[in-house]
Amino acid sequence: MVTVIQGPTGCGKSTQVPQYILDSCASRGAPCNIIITQPRRIAAITVARRVSNERDWPLPSIVGYHVGLNNQTSEDTRLTFCTTGVLVQKMINKKTLEGYTHVILDEVHERDMDMDFAILIVRKLCFTTSRHIKVRSA
């Protein structure tokens, strides 16, 4: 399933939507492991810190980030904020997104080669898996 979420800057697309999905899954007892892309390293780190502060969770714990070689996730991480390049590398290396229940491509309007490649691979995965894909843009 693909969902497109569009809204103005600052409305909570990056910080609130993943938390809503996590809460919804938790209330139903459904498994949940979300990977969320950000176009830049600083954005991935900042958003992860914001969510961890809002929930009063240490970092890394339920929320974490992975930028370049800096992987601040744990076995308990259910919200992983990463750069688009990290997601592309995960998909290239593993040929799957096994273990992730939701993929969120954030800031898709900031098109670059990594985002175009991520969209292409995720589109292909839509036909072979039951992942939930969320696409967000300002």
N, C-alpha and C. Protein backbone atom coordinates (compact mmCIF):
# COMPACT_ATOMS: atom_id res chain seq x y z
N MET A 1 0.84 -1.16 0.00
CA MET A 1 0.00 0.00 0.00
C MET A 1 0.90 1.24 0.00
N VAL A 2 0.58 2.20 -0.84
CA VAL A 2 1.32 3.46 -0.89
C VAL A 2 0.38 4.57 -0.44
N THR A 3 0.85 5.41 0.47
CA THR A 3 0.10 6.56 0.95
C THR A 3 0.94 7.80 0.69
N VAL A 4 0.34 8.82 0.10
CA VAL A 4 1.03 10.09 -0.13
C VAL A 4 0.50 11.09 0.90
N ILE A 5 1.42 11.70 1.64
CA ILE A 5 1.06 12.68 2.66
C ILE A 5 1.68 14.01 2.26
N GLN A 6 0.84 15.01 2.11
CA GLN A 6 1.34 16.33 1.73
C GLN A 6 0.84 17.34 2.74
N GLY A 7 1.72 18.25 3.14
CA GLY A 7 1.34 19.27 4.09
C GLY A 7 2.41 20.33 4.17
N PRO A 8 2.07 21.46 4.78
CA PRO A 8 3.04 22.55 4.86
C PRO A 8 4.20 22.20 5.80
N THR A 9 5.28 22.92 5.62
CA THR A 9 6.45 22.75 6.47
C THR A 9 6.06 22.96 7.93
N GLY A 10 6.53 22.07 8.80
CA GLY A 10 6.29 22.22 10.23
C GLY A 10 4.99 21.61 10.73
N CYS A 11 4.24 20.91 9.88
CA CYS A 11 2.95 20.36 10.33
C CYS A 11 3.09 19.00 11.00
N GLY A 12 4.29 18.41 11.01
CA GLY A 12 4.49 17.15 11.72
C GLY A 12 4.62 15.93 10.83
N LYS A 13 4.80 16.13 9.55
CA LYS A 13 4.95 14.98 8.65
C LYS A 13 6.13 14.12 9.06
N SER A 14 7.24 14.73 9.38
CA SER A 14 8.46 13.98 9.70
C SER A 14 8.46 13.42 11.12
N THR A 15 7.92 14.16 12.08
CA THR A 15 8.02 13.75 13.48
C THR A 15 6.77 13.04 13.99
N GLN A 16 5.60 13.47 13.58
CA GLN A 16 4.37 12.93 14.16
C GLN A 16 3.83 11.69 13.46
N VAL A 17 3.88 11.67 12.13
CA VAL A 17 3.30 10.54 11.39
C VAL A 17 3.92 9.20 11.81
N PRO A 18 5.26 9.09 11.90
CA PRO A 18 5.82 7.81 12.35
C PRO A 18 5.34 7.41 13.75
N GLN A 19 5.18 8.39 14.63
CA GLN A 19 4.70 8.09 15.98
C GLN A 19 3.25 7.62 15.96
N TYR A 20 2.42 8.23 15.11
CA TYR A 20 1.02 7.80 14.98
C TYR A 20 0.95 6.35 14.50
N ILE A 21 1.78 6.02 13.52
CA ILE A 21 1.79 4.66 12.99
C ILE A 21 2.23 3.68 14.08
N LEU A 22 3.30 4.03 14.80
CA LEU A 22 3.80 3.18 15.88
C LEU A 22 2.72 2.97 16.95
N ASP A 23 2.06 4.05 17.35
CA ASP A 23 1.00 3.96 18.36
C ASP A 23 -0.16 3.11 17.88
N SER A 24 -0.53 3.27 16.62
CA SER A 24 -1.63 2.50 16.05
C SER A 24 -1.31 1.01 16.05
N CYS A 25 -0.11 0.67 15.63
CA CYS A 25 0.30 -0.74 15.62
C CYS A 25 0.34 -1.30 17.04
N ALA A 26 0.87 -0.52 17.98
CA ALA A 26 0.97 -0.97 19.37
C ALA A 26 -0.42 -1.22 19.96
N SER A 27 -1.38 -0.35 19.64
CA SER A 27 -2.73 -0.52 20.19
C SER A 27 -3.42 -1.76 19.64
N ARG A 28 -3.02 -2.20 18.45
CA ARG A 28 -3.60 -3.40 17.83
C ARG A 28 -2.76 -4.64 18.10
N GLY A 29 -1.60 -4.46 18.73
CA GLY A 29 -0.70 -5.58 18.97
C GLY A 29 -0.02 -6.06 17.69
N ALA A 30 0.04 -5.17 16.70
CA ALA A 30 0.64 -5.52 15.41
C ALA A 30 2.14 -5.22 15.44
N PRO A 31 2.93 -6.01 14.73
CA PRO A 31 4.37 -5.71 14.66
C PRO A 31 4.59 -4.38 13.95
N CYS A 32 5.63 -3.68 14.34
CA CYS A 32 5.91 -2.38 13.73
C CYS A 32 7.40 -2.10 13.78
N ASN A 33 7.98 -1.84 12.63
CA ASN A 33 9.38 -1.45 12.52
C ASN A 33 9.47 -0.53 11.31
N ILE A 34 9.61 0.76 11.54
CA ILE A 34 9.50 1.78 10.51
C ILE A 34 10.87 2.34 10.17
N ILE A 35 11.17 2.47 8.89
CA ILE A 35 12.38 3.16 8.44
C ILE A 35 11.94 4.41 7.70
N ILE A 36 12.53 5.55 8.06
CA ILE A 36 12.14 6.85 7.55
C ILE A 36 13.36 7.53 6.95
N THR A 37 13.27 7.93 5.69
CA THR A 37 14.41 8.60 5.06
C THR A 37 14.35 10.10 5.26
N GLN A 38 15.52 10.69 5.30
CA GLN A 38 15.70 12.14 5.29
C GLN A 38 16.78 12.43 4.26
N PRO A 39 16.69 13.56 3.56
CA PRO A 39 17.66 13.81 2.49
C PRO A 39 19.08 14.12 2.98
N ARG A 40 19.21 14.58 4.22
CA ARG A 40 20.53 14.95 4.73
C ARG A 40 20.77 14.34 6.11
N ARG A 41 22.06 14.14 6.42
CA ARG A 41 22.44 13.54 7.70
C ARG A 41 21.92 14.35 8.88
N ILE A 42 22.13 15.65 8.84
CA ILE A 42 21.72 16.49 9.97
C ILE A 42 20.21 16.40 10.19
N ALA A 43 19.44 16.28 9.11
CA ALA A 43 17.98 16.16 9.24
C ALA A 43 17.61 14.84 9.92
N ALA A 44 18.25 13.74 9.52
CA ALA A 44 17.94 12.44 10.12
C ALA A 44 18.25 12.45 11.62
N ILE A 45 19.39 13.01 11.98
CA ILE A 45 19.80 13.06 13.39
C ILE A 45 18.87 13.97 14.18
N THR A 46 18.57 15.15 13.63
CA THR A 46 17.73 16.13 14.32
C THR A 46 16.32 15.59 14.55
N VAL A 47 15.74 14.97 13.53
CA VAL A 47 14.38 14.44 13.67
C VAL A 47 14.36 13.28 14.68
N ALA A 48 15.36 12.41 14.64
CA ALA A 48 15.43 11.32 15.62
C ALA A 48 15.53 11.87 17.04
N ARG A 49 16.35 12.88 17.23
CA ARG A 49 16.49 13.49 18.56
C ARG A 49 15.19 14.14 19.01
N ARG A 50 14.51 14.78 18.08
CA ARG A 50 13.23 15.44 18.41
C ARG A 50 12.20 14.42 18.88
N VAL A 51 12.08 13.32 18.13
CA VAL A 51 11.11 12.28 18.51
C VAL A 51 11.51 11.65 19.84
N SER A 52 12.79 11.39 20.05
CA SER A 52 13.21 10.79 21.33
C SER A 52 12.93 11.74 22.49
N ASN A 53 13.09 13.04 22.27
CA ASN A 53 12.78 14.02 23.32
C ASN A 53 11.28 14.09 23.58
N GLU A 54 10.47 14.07 22.51
CA GLU A 54 9.02 14.13 22.68
C GLU A 54 8.51 12.94 23.49
N ARG A 55 9.10 11.79 23.29
CA ARG A 55 8.65 10.57 23.95
C ARG A 55 9.42 10.27 25.24
N ASP A 56 10.44 11.07 25.50
CA ASP A 56 11.31 10.85 26.66
C ASP A 56 11.95 9.46 26.60
N TRP A 57 12.39 9.09 25.41
CA TRP A 57 13.10 7.84 25.17
C TRP A 57 14.58 8.16 24.99
N PRO A 58 15.47 7.37 25.56
CA PRO A 58 16.89 7.59 25.28
C PRO A 58 17.19 7.26 23.82
N LEU A 59 18.29 7.79 23.35
CA LEU A 59 18.71 7.55 21.96
C LEU A 59 20.03 6.80 21.99
N PRO A 60 20.17 5.64 21.43
CA PRO A 60 19.16 4.87 20.70
C PRO A 60 18.36 3.97 21.64
N SER A 61 17.09 3.85 21.34
CA SER A 61 16.21 2.90 22.02
C SER A 61 15.10 2.58 21.03
N ILE A 62 13.87 2.96 21.34
CA ILE A 62 12.77 2.74 20.41
C ILE A 62 13.00 3.57 19.14
N VAL A 63 13.63 4.71 19.29
CA VAL A 63 13.97 5.56 18.14
C VAL A 63 15.49 5.61 17.99
N GLY A 64 15.93 5.64 16.74
CA GLY A 64 17.36 5.71 16.45
C GLY A 64 17.59 6.31 15.08
N TYR A 65 18.86 6.43 14.73
CA TYR A 65 19.19 6.94 13.40
C TYR A 65 20.40 6.21 12.84
N HIS A 66 20.51 6.26 11.51
CA HIS A 66 21.63 5.63 10.81
C HIS A 66 22.02 6.56 9.66
N VAL A 67 23.17 7.19 9.81
CA VAL A 67 23.69 8.09 8.76
C VAL A 67 25.13 7.70 8.48
N GLY A 68 25.43 7.39 7.24
CA GLY A 68 26.77 6.96 6.90
C GLY A 68 27.19 5.76 7.73
N LEU A 69 28.35 5.85 8.36
CA LEU A 69 28.83 4.77 9.22
C LEU A 69 28.36 4.91 10.66
N ASN A 70 27.62 5.97 10.95
CA ASN A 70 27.13 6.24 12.30
C ASN A 70 25.75 5.60 12.48
N ASN A 71 25.74 4.40 13.04
CA ASN A 71 24.50 3.66 13.24
C ASN A 71 24.11 3.70 14.71
N GLN A 72 23.17 4.56 15.04
CA GLN A 72 22.69 4.72 16.41
C GLN A 72 21.32 4.06 16.55
N THR A 73 21.29 2.74 16.33
CA THR A 73 20.07 1.96 16.52
C THR A 73 20.39 0.81 17.46
N SER A 74 19.35 0.15 17.94
CA SER A 74 19.53 -1.00 18.81
C SER A 74 18.53 -2.08 18.42
N GLU A 75 18.58 -3.20 19.10
CA GLU A 75 17.61 -4.28 18.86
C GLU A 75 16.19 -3.81 19.14
N ASP A 76 16.04 -2.81 20.01
CA ASP A 76 14.72 -2.30 20.38
C ASP A 76 14.20 -1.23 19.44
N THR A 77 15.02 -0.74 18.53
CA THR A 77 14.63 0.38 17.67
C THR A 77 13.46 -0.01 16.77
N ARG A 78 12.43 0.83 16.78
CA ARG A 78 11.25 0.64 15.94
C ARG A 78 11.03 1.81 14.99
N LEU A 79 11.69 2.93 15.25
CA LEU A 79 11.67 4.09 14.35
C LEU A 79 13.11 4.40 13.98
N THR A 80 13.51 4.09 12.76
CA THR A 80 14.87 4.34 12.31
C THR A 80 14.86 5.47 11.29
N PHE A 81 15.47 6.59 11.65
CA PHE A 81 15.62 7.71 10.72
C PHE A 81 16.97 7.56 10.05
N CYS A 82 17.00 7.63 8.73
CA CYS A 82 18.25 7.43 8.01
C CYS A 82 18.29 8.33 6.78
N THR A 83 19.47 8.47 6.22
CA THR A 83 19.57 9.19 4.95
C THR A 83 19.03 8.29 3.85
N THR A 84 18.62 8.90 2.76
CA THR A 84 18.12 8.13 1.63
C THR A 84 19.19 7.18 1.12
N GLY A 85 20.45 7.62 1.14
CA GLY A 85 21.56 6.78 0.70
C GLY A 85 21.70 5.52 1.54
N VAL A 86 21.48 5.61 2.85
CA VAL A 86 21.54 4.43 3.72
C VAL A 86 20.44 3.44 3.33
N LEU A 87 19.24 3.94 3.08
CA LEU A 87 18.15 3.05 2.67
C LEU A 87 18.49 2.35 1.36
N VAL A 88 19.01 3.11 0.40
CA VAL A 88 19.39 2.53 -0.89
C VAL A 88 20.43 1.43 -0.68
N GLN A 89 21.45 1.69 0.14
CA GLN A 89 22.48 0.68 0.40
C GLN A 89 21.89 -0.57 1.07
N LYS A 90 20.95 -0.38 2.01
CA LYS A 90 20.30 -1.52 2.64
C LYS A 90 19.57 -2.36 1.59
N MET A 91 18.89 -1.69 0.68
CA MET A 91 18.13 -2.41 -0.35
C MET A 91 19.05 -3.10 -1.34
N ILE A 92 20.17 -2.47 -1.67
CA ILE A 92 21.13 -3.08 -2.60
C ILE A 92 21.80 -4.29 -1.95
N ASN A 93 22.24 -4.13 -0.70
CA ASN A 93 22.97 -5.19 -0.01
C ASN A 93 22.10 -6.40 0.32
N LYS A 94 20.88 -6.15 0.77
CA LYS A 94 20.02 -7.25 1.22
C LYS A 94 18.99 -7.67 0.17
N LYS A 95 18.78 -6.84 -0.85
CA LYS A 95 17.79 -7.10 -1.89
C LYS A 95 16.36 -7.19 -1.33
N THR A 96 16.20 -6.74 -0.10
CA THR A 96 14.90 -6.79 0.55
C THR A 96 14.88 -5.78 1.70
N LEU A 97 13.73 -5.49 2.18
CA LEU A 97 13.60 -4.67 3.39
C LEU A 97 12.97 -5.51 4.50
N GLU A 98 13.33 -6.79 4.49
CA GLU A 98 12.84 -7.72 5.51
C GLU A 98 13.06 -7.12 6.90
N GLY A 99 12.05 -7.22 7.72
CA GLY A 99 12.14 -6.69 9.07
C GLY A 99 11.49 -5.33 9.22
N TYR A 100 11.30 -4.61 8.12
CA TYR A 100 10.62 -3.31 8.19
C TYR A 100 9.17 -3.48 7.75
N THR A 101 8.26 -2.99 8.56
CA THR A 101 6.84 -3.07 8.22
C THR A 101 6.38 -1.86 7.43
N HIS A 102 7.06 -0.74 7.60
CA HIS A 102 6.70 0.50 6.92
C HIS A 102 7.96 1.19 6.42
N VAL A 103 7.87 1.75 5.22
CA VAL A 103 8.95 2.55 4.64
C VAL A 103 8.38 3.94 4.39
N ILE A 104 9.03 4.96 4.93
CA ILE A 104 8.58 6.33 4.73
C ILE A 104 9.68 7.08 3.99
N LEU A 105 9.35 7.55 2.79
CA LEU A 105 10.26 8.37 2.00
C LEU A 105 9.87 9.82 2.23
N ASP A 106 10.68 10.54 2.96
CA ASP A 106 10.37 11.93 3.31
C ASP A 106 11.09 12.88 2.36
N GLU A 107 10.48 14.03 2.16
CA GLU A 107 11.05 15.09 1.32
C GLU A 107 11.30 14.61 -0.12
N VAL A 108 10.33 13.90 -0.68
CA VAL A 108 10.52 13.36 -2.03
C VAL A 108 10.64 14.45 -3.09
N HIS A 109 10.19 15.65 -2.79
CA HIS A 109 10.32 16.75 -3.75
C HIS A 109 11.78 17.19 -3.92
N GLU A 110 12.63 16.82 -2.97
CA GLU A 110 14.07 17.12 -3.08
C GLU A 110 14.73 15.99 -3.86
N ARG A 111 14.43 15.93 -5.13
CA ARG A 111 14.87 14.82 -5.96
C ARG A 111 16.38 14.84 -6.17
N ASP A 112 16.98 13.67 -6.02
CA ASP A 112 18.38 13.45 -6.37
C ASP A 112 18.50 11.99 -6.80
N MET A 113 19.70 11.56 -7.12
CA MET A 113 19.88 10.21 -7.62
C MET A 113 19.48 9.16 -6.57
N ASP A 114 19.84 9.38 -5.30
CA ASP A 114 19.47 8.42 -4.25
C ASP A 114 17.96 8.30 -4.12
N MET A 115 17.25 9.44 -4.12
CA MET A 115 15.79 9.40 -3.99
C MET A 115 15.15 8.71 -5.19
N ASP A 116 15.63 9.04 -6.39
CA ASP A 116 15.08 8.40 -7.59
C ASP A 116 15.29 6.89 -7.53
N PHE A 117 16.47 6.46 -7.09
CA PHE A 117 16.76 5.04 -6.99
C PHE A 117 15.91 4.39 -5.91
N ALA A 118 15.74 5.07 -4.77
CA ALA A 118 14.91 4.54 -3.69
C ALA A 118 13.47 4.37 -4.16
N ILE A 119 12.95 5.35 -4.88
CA ILE A 119 11.58 5.26 -5.39
C ILE A 119 11.45 4.07 -6.34
N LEU A 120 12.44 3.89 -7.20
CA LEU A 120 12.42 2.78 -8.15
C LEU A 120 12.41 1.43 -7.43
N ILE A 121 13.29 1.27 -6.46
CA ILE A 121 13.38 -0.01 -5.74
C ILE A 121 12.14 -0.24 -4.90
N VAL A 122 11.67 0.79 -4.22
CA VAL A 122 10.48 0.64 -3.38
C VAL A 122 9.27 0.30 -4.24
N ARG A 123 9.19 0.91 -5.41
CA ARG A 123 8.08 0.60 -6.33
C ARG A 123 8.10 -0.88 -6.69
N LYS A 124 9.29 -1.39 -6.96
CA LYS A 124 9.42 -2.81 -7.29
C LYS A 124 9.02 -3.67 -6.09
N LEU A 125 9.43 -3.27 -4.89
CA LEU A 125 9.07 -4.01 -3.68
C LEU A 125 7.57 -4.04 -3.44
N CYS A 126 6.87 -3.01 -3.87
CA CYS A 126 5.41 -2.96 -3.69
C CYS A 126 4.73 -4.14 -4.36
N PHE A 127 5.32 -4.63 -5.43
CA PHE A 127 4.72 -5.75 -6.16
C PHE A 127 5.09 -7.10 -5.56
N THR A 128 6.09 -7.12 -4.68
CA THR A 128 6.56 -8.41 -4.16
C THR A 128 6.38 -8.56 -2.65
N THR A 129 6.00 -7.49 -1.95
CA THR A 129 5.84 -7.57 -0.49
C THR A 129 4.57 -6.85 -0.08
N SER A 130 4.27 -6.93 1.19
CA SER A 130 3.09 -6.24 1.71
C SER A 130 3.50 -5.05 2.57
N ARG A 131 4.63 -4.43 2.27
CA ARG A 131 5.09 -3.27 3.04
C ARG A 131 4.15 -2.08 2.83
N HIS A 132 4.08 -1.24 3.84
CA HIS A 132 3.33 0.00 3.73
C HIS A 132 4.32 1.10 3.37
N ILE A 133 4.07 1.79 2.29
CA ILE A 133 4.97 2.84 1.82
C ILE A 133 4.28 4.19 2.04
N LYS A 134 4.97 5.11 2.66
CA LYS A 134 4.46 6.47 2.86
C LYS A 134 5.41 7.42 2.14
N VAL A 135 4.86 8.32 1.35
CA VAL A 135 5.65 9.30 0.62
C VAL A 135 5.21 10.66 1.11
N ARG A 136 6.17 11.51 1.52
CA ARG A 136 5.81 12.81 2.07
C ARG A 136 6.55 13.92 1.34
N SER A 137 5.86 15.04 1.24
CA SER A 137 6.44 16.20 0.59
C SER A 137 5.85 17.46 1.20
N ALA A 138 6.64 18.52 1.18
CA ALA A 138 6.15 19.81 1.69
C ALA A 138 5.16 20.41 0.72
